[in-house]
Amino acid sequence: MNQRASLRAHIPRKRFGQHFLVDEALIDAIVREIAPKPGEPLVEIGPGLGALTQPVLERCGALTVIELDRDLAARWRQRQGVTVIEADVLTVDIGALADAAGQRLRLIGNLPYNISTPILFHLLRWADRVRDQHFMLQKEVVDRMAAGPGGKDFGRLSVMLQWRYAIDTRLDVPPEAFDPPPRVDSAVVRMVPLATPPALDEALLSEMVTVAFSQRRKLLRHTLGRWLEQRGFAGTFDVQRRAEEVPVSEYVALVQAL
């Protein structure tokens, strides 16, 4: 059964943010970017009707899928070579999956746009157990993930992901590539965990960056400057800038100094 025929048999559920990829040329391009190989521990988040799952499975022979929709999970249990975890990905212990595989995981998926940021932060804690991640996301989110300092897209998401991953936008995907079409453009992003990430307190970095970007239009002396004073920070840091003007490396150095 092809993708469009499958769609007639399954009604997309809005509460799961379901938009199914149906453009065959784009599917082929995404699979080429992933380049799956036999023996690799691949985990797909939200396989849906299998637009990516099927061609990836043909290349690697086996993979694990995380699917919350019970009807779709039941379909995938019938497929040879597919291990199904019927759960919300936000509750899944990715580290345990890596332990079971005995090697770092490769994560792929068309993430539900309504909870894509929480998923990215959930996965962040297991970056050291992951080889790479290829995700379809709302293009606006991908732009923020990959943005450099100085632009409107650079923000908390940029800092919290770039300190840990090399992030690269691979493909742009228009709404008409999906059924039903979303109201936004999409993009495919590649995330590769840094081999030697800086040692820091991630919770403290998150708190600090949240404070810094809490009032984007104001100089940092009104937000981060006061936060640093309350912590008795005795070092030097230029707070006569706006949060989006500070490179990731400076945020990292500051939290390490604290």
C-alpha atoms as a PDB file:
ATOM      1  CA  MET A   1       0.000   0.000   0.000  1.00  0.00           C
ATOM      2  CA  ASN A   2       1.498   3.378  -1.001  1.00  0.00           C
ATOM      3  CA  GLN A   3       1.563   6.416   1.258  1.00  0.00           C
ATOM      4  CA  ARG A   4      -1.587   8.074  -0.097  1.00  0.00           C
ATOM      5  CA  ALA A   5      -3.545   4.826   0.049  1.00  0.00           C
ATOM      6  CA  SER A   6      -2.398   4.379   3.642  1.00  0.00           C
ATOM      7  CA  LEU A   7      -3.591   7.886   4.447  1.00  0.00           C
ATOM      8  CA  ARG A   8      -7.112   6.982   3.392  1.00  0.00           C
ATOM      9  CA  ALA A   9      -7.022   4.182   5.953  1.00  0.00           C
ATOM     10  CA  HIS A  10      -5.764   6.388   8.799  1.00  0.00           C
ATOM     11  CA  ILE A  11      -7.207   9.735   9.863  1.00  0.00           C
ATOM     12  CA  PRO A  12      -4.441  12.084  11.107  1.00  0.00           C
ATOM     13  CA  ARG A  13      -4.950  13.017  14.747  1.00  0.00           C
ATOM     14  CA  LYS A  14      -4.546  16.709  15.527  1.00  0.00           C
ATOM     15  CA  ARG A  15      -3.666  16.071  19.169  1.00  0.00           C
ATOM     16  CA  PHE A  16      -0.573  14.174  18.010  1.00  0.00           C
ATOM     17  CA  GLY A  17       0.388  16.868  15.474  1.00  0.00           C
ATOM     18  CA  GLN A  18       0.249  14.315  12.654  1.00  0.00           C
ATOM     19  CA  HIS A  19       1.290  15.471   9.172  1.00  0.00           C
ATOM     20  CA  PHE A  20       2.425  12.623   6.931  1.00  0.00           C
ATOM     21  CA  LEU A  21       5.242  13.083   4.414  1.00  0.00           C
ATOM     22  CA  VAL A  22       4.138  11.946   0.936  1.00  0.00           C
ATOM     23  CA  ASP A  23       6.593  13.548  -1.525  1.00  0.00           C
ATOM     24  CA  GLU A  24       8.605  10.575  -2.824  1.00  0.00           C
ATOM     25  CA  ALA A  25      11.480  12.674  -4.178  1.00  0.00           C
ATOM     26  CA  LEU A  26      11.922  14.411  -0.828  1.00  0.00           C
ATOM     27  CA  ILE A  27      11.670  11.123   1.012  1.00  0.00           C
ATOM     28  CA  ASP A  28      14.501   9.751  -1.123  1.00  0.00           C
ATOM     29  CA  ALA A  29      16.581  12.877  -0.477  1.00  0.00           C
ATOM     30  CA  ILE A  30      16.090  12.601   3.296  1.00  0.00           C
ATOM     31  CA  VAL A  31      17.019   8.921   3.320  1.00  0.00           C
ATOM     32  CA  ARG A  32      20.184   9.753   1.371  1.00  0.00           C
ATOM     33  CA  GLU A  33      21.057  12.324   4.042  1.00  0.00           C
ATOM     34  CA  ILE A  34      20.550   9.711   6.772  1.00  0.00           C
ATOM     35  CA  ALA A  35      22.479   7.053   4.794  1.00  0.00           C
ATOM     36  CA  PRO A  36      21.394   4.107   6.991  1.00  0.00           C
ATOM     37  CA  LYS A  37      23.488   0.928   6.949  1.00  0.00           C
ATOM     38  CA  PRO A  38      22.919  -2.625   8.207  1.00  0.00           C
ATOM     39  CA  GLY A  39      23.874  -3.139  11.831  1.00  0.00           C
ATOM     40  CA  GLU A  40      23.411   0.479  12.866  1.00  0.00           C
ATOM     41  CA  PRO A  41      21.140   1.062  15.900  1.00  0.00           C
ATOM     42  CA  LEU A  42      18.505   3.319  14.341  1.00  0.00           C
ATOM     43  CA  VAL A  43      15.606   4.726  16.355  1.00  0.00           C
ATOM     44  CA  GLU A  44      12.780   6.585  14.636  1.00  0.00           C
ATOM     45  CA  ILE A  45      10.595   8.951  16.622  1.00  0.00           C
ATOM     46  CA  GLY A  46       7.025   9.001  15.299  1.00  0.00           C
ATOM     47  CA  PRO A  47       7.161   6.672  12.268  1.00  0.00           C
ATOM     48  CA  GLY A  48       3.566   7.451  11.351  1.00  0.00           C
ATOM     49  CA  LEU A  49       2.678   5.647   8.121  1.00  0.00           C
ATOM     50  CA  GLY A  50       6.284   4.821   7.327  1.00  0.00           C
ATOM     51  CA  ALA A  51       7.356   7.404   4.762  1.00  0.00           C
ATOM     52  CA  LEU A  52      10.885   7.246   6.209  1.00  0.00           C
ATOM     53  CA  THR A  53      10.550   3.950   8.052  1.00  0.00           C
ATOM     54  CA  GLN A  54      10.030   1.787   4.993  1.00  0.00           C
ATOM     55  CA  PRO A  55      13.019   2.960   2.903  1.00  0.00           C
ATOM     56  CA  VAL A  56      15.267   3.072   5.986  1.00  0.00           C
ATOM     57  CA  LEU A  57      14.209  -0.452   6.935  1.00  0.00           C
ATOM     58  CA  GLU A  58      15.016  -1.662   3.412  1.00  0.00           C
ATOM     59  CA  ARG A  59      18.577  -0.352   3.821  1.00  0.00           C
ATOM     60  CA  CYS A  60      19.362  -1.335   7.392  1.00  0.00           C
ATOM     61  CA  GLY A  61      17.174  -4.411   7.953  1.00  0.00           C
ATOM     62  CA  ALA A  62      16.000  -3.491  11.469  1.00  0.00           C
ATOM     63  CA  LEU A  63      15.121  -0.463  13.555  1.00  0.00           C
ATOM     64  CA  THR A  64      13.247   0.650  16.654  1.00  0.00           C
ATOM     65  CA  VAL A  65      10.278   3.009  16.415  1.00  0.00           C
ATOM     66  CA  ILE A  66       8.727   5.143  19.146  1.00  0.00           C
ATOM     67  CA  GLU A  67       5.022   5.669  18.394  1.00  0.00           C
ATOM     68  CA  LEU A  68       2.352   7.115  20.681  1.00  0.00           C
ATOM     69  CA  ASP A  69      -0.625   6.465  18.386  1.00  0.00           C
ATOM     70  CA  ARG A  70      -1.851   2.995  19.420  1.00  0.00           C
ATOM     71  CA  ASP A  71      -3.317   2.222  15.979  1.00  0.00           C
ATOM     72  CA  LEU A  72      -0.071   3.008  14.194  1.00  0.00           C
ATOM     73  CA  ALA A  73       1.947   1.171  16.849  1.00  0.00           C
ATOM     74  CA  ALA A  74      -0.200  -1.917  16.237  1.00  0.00           C
ATOM     75  CA  ARG A  75       0.517  -1.717  12.495  1.00  0.00           C
ATOM     76  CA  TRP A  76       4.260  -1.573  13.056  1.00  0.00           C
ATOM     77  CA  ARG A  77       4.227  -4.569  15.396  1.00  0.00           C
ATOM     78  CA  GLN A  78       3.210  -6.639  12.388  1.00  0.00           C
ATOM     79  CA  ARG A  79       6.336  -5.689  10.435  1.00  0.00           C
ATOM     80  CA  GLN A  80       9.374  -7.916  10.592  1.00  0.00           C
ATOM     81  CA  GLY A  81      12.530  -6.118  11.714  1.00  0.00           C
ATOM     82  CA  VAL A  82      10.647  -3.398  13.604  1.00  0.00           C
ATOM     83  CA  THR A  83      10.780  -3.102  17.393  1.00  0.00           C
ATOM     84  CA  VAL A  84       7.929  -0.938  18.677  1.00  0.00           C
ATOM     85  CA  ILE A  85       7.978   1.240  21.786  1.00  0.00           C
ATOM     86  CA  GLU A  86       4.411   2.471  22.263  1.00  0.00           C
ATOM     87  CA  ALA A  87       4.987   5.580  24.349  1.00  0.00           C
ATOM     88  CA  ASP A  88       5.336   9.329  24.433  1.00  0.00           C
ATOM     89  CA  VAL A  89       8.972   9.965  23.479  1.00  0.00           C
ATOM     90  CA  LEU A  90       9.218  12.394  26.410  1.00  0.00           C
ATOM     91  CA  THR A  91       8.945   9.382  28.729  1.00  0.00           C
ATOM     92  CA  VAL A  92      11.456   7.158  26.908  1.00  0.00           C
ATOM     93  CA  ASP A  93      14.901   6.523  28.417  1.00  0.00           C
ATOM     94  CA  ILE A  94      17.163   6.938  25.386  1.00  0.00           C
ATOM     95  CA  GLY A  95      20.171   5.933  27.467  1.00  0.00           C
ATOM     96  CA  ALA A  96      18.610   2.547  28.189  1.00  0.00           C
ATOM     97  CA  LEU A  97      18.084   1.992  24.450  1.00  0.00           C
ATOM     98  CA  ALA A  98      21.745   2.800  23.812  1.00  0.00           C
ATOM     99  CA  ASP A  99      22.773   0.378  26.571  1.00  0.00           C
ATOM    100  CA  ALA A 100      20.659  -2.359  24.998  1.00  0.00           C
ATOM    101  CA  ALA A 101      22.193  -1.675  21.591  1.00  0.00           C
ATOM    102  CA  GLY A 102      25.724  -1.619  22.986  1.00  0.00           C
ATOM    103  CA  GLN A 103      26.632   1.429  20.931  1.00  0.00           C
ATOM    104  CA  ARG A 104      25.618   5.008  20.253  1.00  0.00           C
ATOM    105  CA  LEU A 105      22.230   5.470  18.599  1.00  0.00           C
ATOM    106  CA  ARG A 106      21.227   7.149  15.375  1.00  0.00           C
ATOM    107  CA  LEU A 107      17.960   9.064  15.855  1.00  0.00           C
ATOM    108  CA  ILE A 108      15.632  10.053  13.016  1.00  0.00           C
ATOM    109  CA  GLY A 109      12.085  11.282  12.674  1.00  0.00           C
ATOM    110  CA  ASN A 110       9.451  13.748  11.566  1.00  0.00           C
ATOM    111  CA  LEU A 111       8.914  15.273  15.012  1.00  0.00           C
ATOM    112  CA  PRO A 112       5.454  16.510  16.013  1.00  0.00           C
ATOM    113  CA  TYR A 113       5.742  20.262  15.633  1.00  0.00           C
ATOM    114  CA  ASN A 114       3.601  21.044  18.672  1.00  0.00           C
ATOM    115  CA  ILE A 115       6.163  19.500  21.065  1.00  0.00           C
ATOM    116  CA  SER A 116       9.375  19.602  19.034  1.00  0.00           C
ATOM    117  CA  THR A 117      11.289  21.856  21.452  1.00  0.00           C
ATOM    118  CA  PRO A 118      10.492  19.726  24.544  1.00  0.00           C
ATOM    119  CA  ILE A 119      11.631  16.661  22.577  1.00  0.00           C
ATOM    120  CA  LEU A 120      14.932  18.307  21.648  1.00  0.00           C
ATOM    121  CA  PHE A 121      15.601  19.229  25.287  1.00  0.00           C
ATOM    122  CA  HIS A 122      14.602  15.720  26.406  1.00  0.00           C
ATOM    123  CA  LEU A 123      17.149  14.201  24.019  1.00  0.00           C
ATOM    124  CA  LEU A 124      19.867  16.660  25.065  1.00  0.00           C
ATOM    125  CA  ARG A 125      20.567  14.767  28.288  1.00  0.00           C
ATOM    126  CA  TRP A 126      21.600  11.699  26.275  1.00  0.00           C
ATOM    127  CA  ALA A 127      23.739  13.430  23.649  1.00  0.00           C
ATOM    128  CA  ASP A 128      26.755  11.357  24.701  1.00  0.00           C
ATOM    129  CA  ARG A 129      24.823   8.169  23.811  1.00  0.00           C
ATOM    130  CA  VAL A 130      23.920   9.370  20.317  1.00  0.00           C
ATOM    131  CA  ARG A 131      25.956   9.340  17.109  1.00  0.00           C
ATOM    132  CA  ASP A 132      23.717  11.702  15.132  1.00  0.00           C
ATOM    133  CA  GLN A 133      20.156  12.978  14.766  1.00  0.00           C
ATOM    134  CA  HIS A 134      18.232  13.734  11.562  1.00  0.00           C
ATOM    135  CA  PHE A 135      14.893  15.422  12.200  1.00  0.00           C
ATOM    136  CA  MET A 136      12.146  17.084  10.212  1.00  0.00           C
ATOM    137  CA  LEU A 137      10.999  20.188  12.054  1.00  0.00           C
ATOM    138  CA  GLN A 138       9.221  23.457  11.475  1.00  0.00           C
ATOM    139  CA  LYS A 139      11.669  25.601   9.469  1.00  0.00           C
ATOM    140  CA  GLU A 140      11.353  28.456  11.948  1.00  0.00           C
ATOM    141  CA  VAL A 141      12.569  26.122  14.709  1.00  0.00           C
ATOM    142  CA  VAL A 142      15.473  24.845  12.592  1.00  0.00           C
ATOM    143  CA  ASP A 143      16.473  28.442  11.801  1.00  0.00           C
ATOM    144  CA  ARG A 144      16.569  29.184  15.540  1.00  0.00           C
ATOM    145  CA  MET A 145      18.538  26.023  16.284  1.00  0.00           C
ATOM    146  CA  ALA A 146      21.247  26.876  13.751  1.00  0.00           C
ATOM    147  CA  ALA A 147      21.305  30.683  14.135  1.00  0.00           C
ATOM    148  CA  GLY A 148      24.471  32.569  14.967  1.00  0.00           C
ATOM    149  CA  PRO A 149      24.676  35.603  17.288  1.00  0.00           C
ATOM    150  CA  GLY A 150      23.487  38.964  16.058  1.00  0.00           C
ATOM    151  CA  GLY A 151      20.263  37.929  14.364  1.00  0.00           C
ATOM    152  CA  LYS A 152      16.625  37.736  15.431  1.00  0.00           C
ATOM    153  CA  ASP A 153      16.630  33.905  15.303  1.00  0.00           C
ATOM    154  CA  PHE A 154      19.452  33.553  17.830  1.00  0.00           C
ATOM    155  CA  GLY A 155      18.057  32.776  21.256  1.00  0.00           C
ATOM    156  CA  ARG A 156      17.807  30.339  24.136  1.00  0.00           C
ATOM    157  CA  LEU A 157      17.245  27.352  21.835  1.00  0.00           C
ATOM    158  CA  SER A 158      20.355  28.251  19.810  1.00  0.00           C
ATOM    159  CA  VAL A 159      22.594  28.412  22.877  1.00  0.00           C
ATOM    160  CA  MET A 160      21.192  25.343  24.644  1.00  0.00           C
ATOM    161  CA  LEU A 161      21.701  23.139  21.584  1.00  0.00           C
ATOM    162  CA  GLN A 162      24.864  24.584  20.054  1.00  0.00           C
ATOM    163  CA  TRP A 163      26.949  24.131  23.203  1.00  0.00           C
ATOM    164  CA  ARG A 164      26.408  20.380  22.714  1.00  0.00           C
ATOM    165  CA  TYR A 165      25.809  19.770  18.985  1.00  0.00           C
ATOM    166  CA  ALA A 166      27.097  20.743  15.569  1.00  0.00           C
ATOM    167  CA  ILE A 167      23.881  21.742  13.775  1.00  0.00           C
ATOM    168  CA  ASP A 168      23.425  21.805  10.019  1.00  0.00           C
ATOM    169  CA  THR A 169      20.299  22.519   7.963  1.00  0.00           C
ATOM    170  CA  ARG A 170      20.151  19.936   5.181  1.00  0.00           C
ATOM    171  CA  LEU A 171      16.869  20.319   3.253  1.00  0.00           C
ATOM    172  CA  ASP A 172      13.942  22.721   3.014  1.00  0.00           C
ATOM    173  CA  VAL A 173      10.517  21.079   2.775  1.00  0.00           C
ATOM    174  CA  PRO A 174       7.357  22.895   1.543  1.00  0.00           C
ATOM    175  CA  PRO A 175       3.895  22.312   3.067  1.00  0.00           C
ATOM    176  CA  GLU A 176       2.638  20.495  -0.035  1.00  0.00           C
ATOM    177  CA  ALA A 177       5.064  17.645   0.678  1.00  0.00           C
ATOM    178  CA  PHE A 178       2.693  16.559   3.490  1.00  0.00           C
ATOM    179  CA  ASP A 179      -0.843  15.280   3.812  1.00  0.00           C
ATOM    180  CA  PRO A 180      -2.509  17.155   5.410  1.00  0.00           C
ATOM    181  CA  PRO A 181      -0.272  20.146   4.609  1.00  0.00           C
ATOM    182  CA  PRO A 182       0.915  22.060   7.691  1.00  0.00           C
ATOM    183  CA  ARG A 183       0.543  25.835   7.716  1.00  0.00           C
ATOM    184  CA  VAL A 184       4.299  26.310   7.936  1.00  0.00           C
ATOM    185  CA  ASP A 185       7.435  25.478   5.978  1.00  0.00           C
ATOM    186  CA  SER A 186       9.589  22.621   7.256  1.00  0.00           C
ATOM    187  CA  ALA A 187      13.259  21.671   7.135  1.00  0.00           C
ATOM    188  CA  VAL A 188      15.509  18.701   7.802  1.00  0.00           C
ATOM    189  CA  VAL A 189      18.300  19.279  10.308  1.00  0.00           C
ATOM    190  CA  ARG A 190      21.375  17.204  11.135  1.00  0.00           C
ATOM    191  CA  MET A 191      22.623  17.295  14.726  1.00  0.00           C
ATOM    192  CA  VAL A 192      25.954  15.710  15.599  1.00  0.00           C
ATOM    193  CA  PRO A 193      26.969  15.691  19.288  1.00  0.00           C
ATOM    194  CA  LEU A 194      30.352  17.320  19.895  1.00  0.00           C
ATOM    195  CA  ALA A 195      33.037  14.725  20.605  1.00  0.00           C
ATOM    196  CA  THR A 196      34.519  16.795  23.460  1.00  0.00           C
ATOM    197  CA  PRO A 197      31.815  19.139  24.757  1.00  0.00           C
ATOM    198  CA  PRO A 198      32.719  21.747  27.394  1.00  0.00           C
ATOM    199  CA  ALA A 199      32.295  20.606  30.982  1.00  0.00           C
ATOM    200  CA  LEU A 200      29.554  22.655  32.623  1.00  0.00           C
ATOM    201  CA  ASP A 201      26.455  22.593  34.799  1.00  0.00           C
ATOM    202  CA  GLU A 202      23.680  22.246  32.197  1.00  0.00           C
ATOM    203  CA  ALA A 203      20.925  23.262  34.621  1.00  0.00           C
ATOM    204  CA  LEU A 204      22.827  26.418  35.549  1.00  0.00           C
ATOM    205  CA  LEU A 205      23.417  27.231  31.865  1.00  0.00           C
ATOM    206  CA  SER A 206      19.704  26.817  31.192  1.00  0.00           C
ATOM    207  CA  GLU A 207      18.786  29.135  34.066  1.00  0.00           C
ATOM    208  CA  MET A 208      21.339  31.719  32.998  1.00  0.00           C
ATOM    209  CA  VAL A 209      20.311  31.740  29.344  1.00  0.00           C
ATOM    210  CA  THR A 210      16.629  31.925  30.267  1.00  0.00           C
ATOM    211  CA  VAL A 211      17.355  35.040  32.329  1.00  0.00           C
ATOM    212  CA  ALA A 212      19.497  36.545  29.567  1.00  0.00           C
ATOM    213  CA  PHE A 213      16.801  36.208  26.906  1.00  0.00           C
ATOM    214  CA  SER A 214      13.880  37.104  29.176  1.00  0.00           C
ATOM    215  CA  GLN A 215      13.880  40.701  27.890  1.00  0.00           C
ATOM    216  CA  ARG A 216      15.521  40.595  24.489  1.00  0.00           C
ATOM    217  CA  ARG A 217      15.207  44.307  23.753  1.00  0.00           C
ATOM    218  CA  LYS A 218      16.955  45.410  26.919  1.00  0.00           C
ATOM    219  CA  LEU A 219      20.670  45.439  27.638  1.00  0.00           C
ATOM    220  CA  LEU A 220      21.898  42.513  29.704  1.00  0.00           C
ATOM    221  CA  ARG A 221      22.669  44.760  32.687  1.00  0.00           C
ATOM    222  CA  HIS A 222      18.915  44.803  33.392  1.00  0.00           C
ATOM    223  CA  THR A 223      18.586  41.007  33.433  1.00  0.00           C
ATOM    224  CA  LEU A 224      21.722  38.903  33.429  1.00  0.00           C
ATOM    225  CA  GLY A 225      23.724  41.630  35.170  1.00  0.00           C
ATOM    226  CA  ARG A 226      21.397  41.579  38.172  1.00  0.00           C
ATOM    227  CA  TRP A 227      21.371  37.771  38.174  1.00  0.00           C
ATOM    228  CA  LEU A 228      25.178  37.740  38.290  1.00  0.00           C
ATOM    229  CA  GLU A 229      25.231  40.289  41.107  1.00  0.00           C
ATOM    230  CA  GLN A 230      22.874  38.132  43.177  1.00  0.00           C
ATOM    231  CA  ARG A 231      25.322  35.263  42.754  1.00  0.00           C
ATOM    232  CA  GLY A 232      28.291  37.343  43.828  1.00  0.00           C
ATOM    233  CA  PHE A 233      30.033  37.068  40.450  1.00  0.00           C
ATOM    234  CA  ALA A 234      33.388  38.834  40.699  1.00  0.00           C
ATOM    235  CA  GLY A 235      34.628  38.259  37.159  1.00  0.00           C
ATOM    236  CA  THR A 236      34.287  40.401  34.060  1.00  0.00           C
ATOM    237  CA  PHE A 237      31.468  40.113  31.544  1.00  0.00           C
ATOM    238  CA  ASP A 238      30.202  42.841  29.221  1.00  0.00           C
ATOM    239  CA  VAL A 239      26.542  43.391  30.125  1.00  0.00           C
ATOM    240  CA  GLN A 240      26.278  46.465  27.874  1.00  0.00           C
ATOM    241  CA  ARG A 241      25.057  44.143  25.117  1.00  0.00           C
ATOM    242  CA  ARG A 242      21.786  42.456  24.251  1.00  0.00           C
ATOM    243  CA  ALA A 243      21.455  38.720  24.762  1.00  0.00           C
ATOM    244  CA  GLU A 244      21.493  37.922  21.025  1.00  0.00           C
ATOM    245  CA  GLU A 245      24.882  39.649  20.632  1.00  0.00           C
ATOM    246  CA  VAL A 246      26.717  37.213  22.912  1.00  0.00           C
ATOM    247  CA  PRO A 247      28.302  34.149  21.225  1.00  0.00           C
ATOM    248  CA  VAL A 248      27.603  30.668  22.567  1.00  0.00           C
ATOM    249  CA  SER A 249      31.241  30.355  23.624  1.00  0.00           C
ATOM    250  CA  GLU A 250      30.898  33.351  25.964  1.00  0.00           C
ATOM    251  CA  TYR A 251      27.782  31.940  27.626  1.00  0.00           C
ATOM    252  CA  VAL A 252      29.678  28.679  28.126  1.00  0.00           C
ATOM    253  CA  ALA A 253      32.718  30.456  29.574  1.00  0.00           C
ATOM    254  CA  LEU A 254      30.512  32.488  31.925  1.00  0.00           C
ATOM    255  CA  VAL A 255      28.683  29.475  33.347  1.00  0.00           C
ATOM    256  CA  GLN A 256      32.006  27.696  33.799  1.00  0.00           C
ATOM    257  CA  ALA A 257      33.338  30.726  35.701  1.00  0.00           C
ATOM    258  CA  LEU A 258      30.335  30.544  38.014  1.00  0.00           C
END
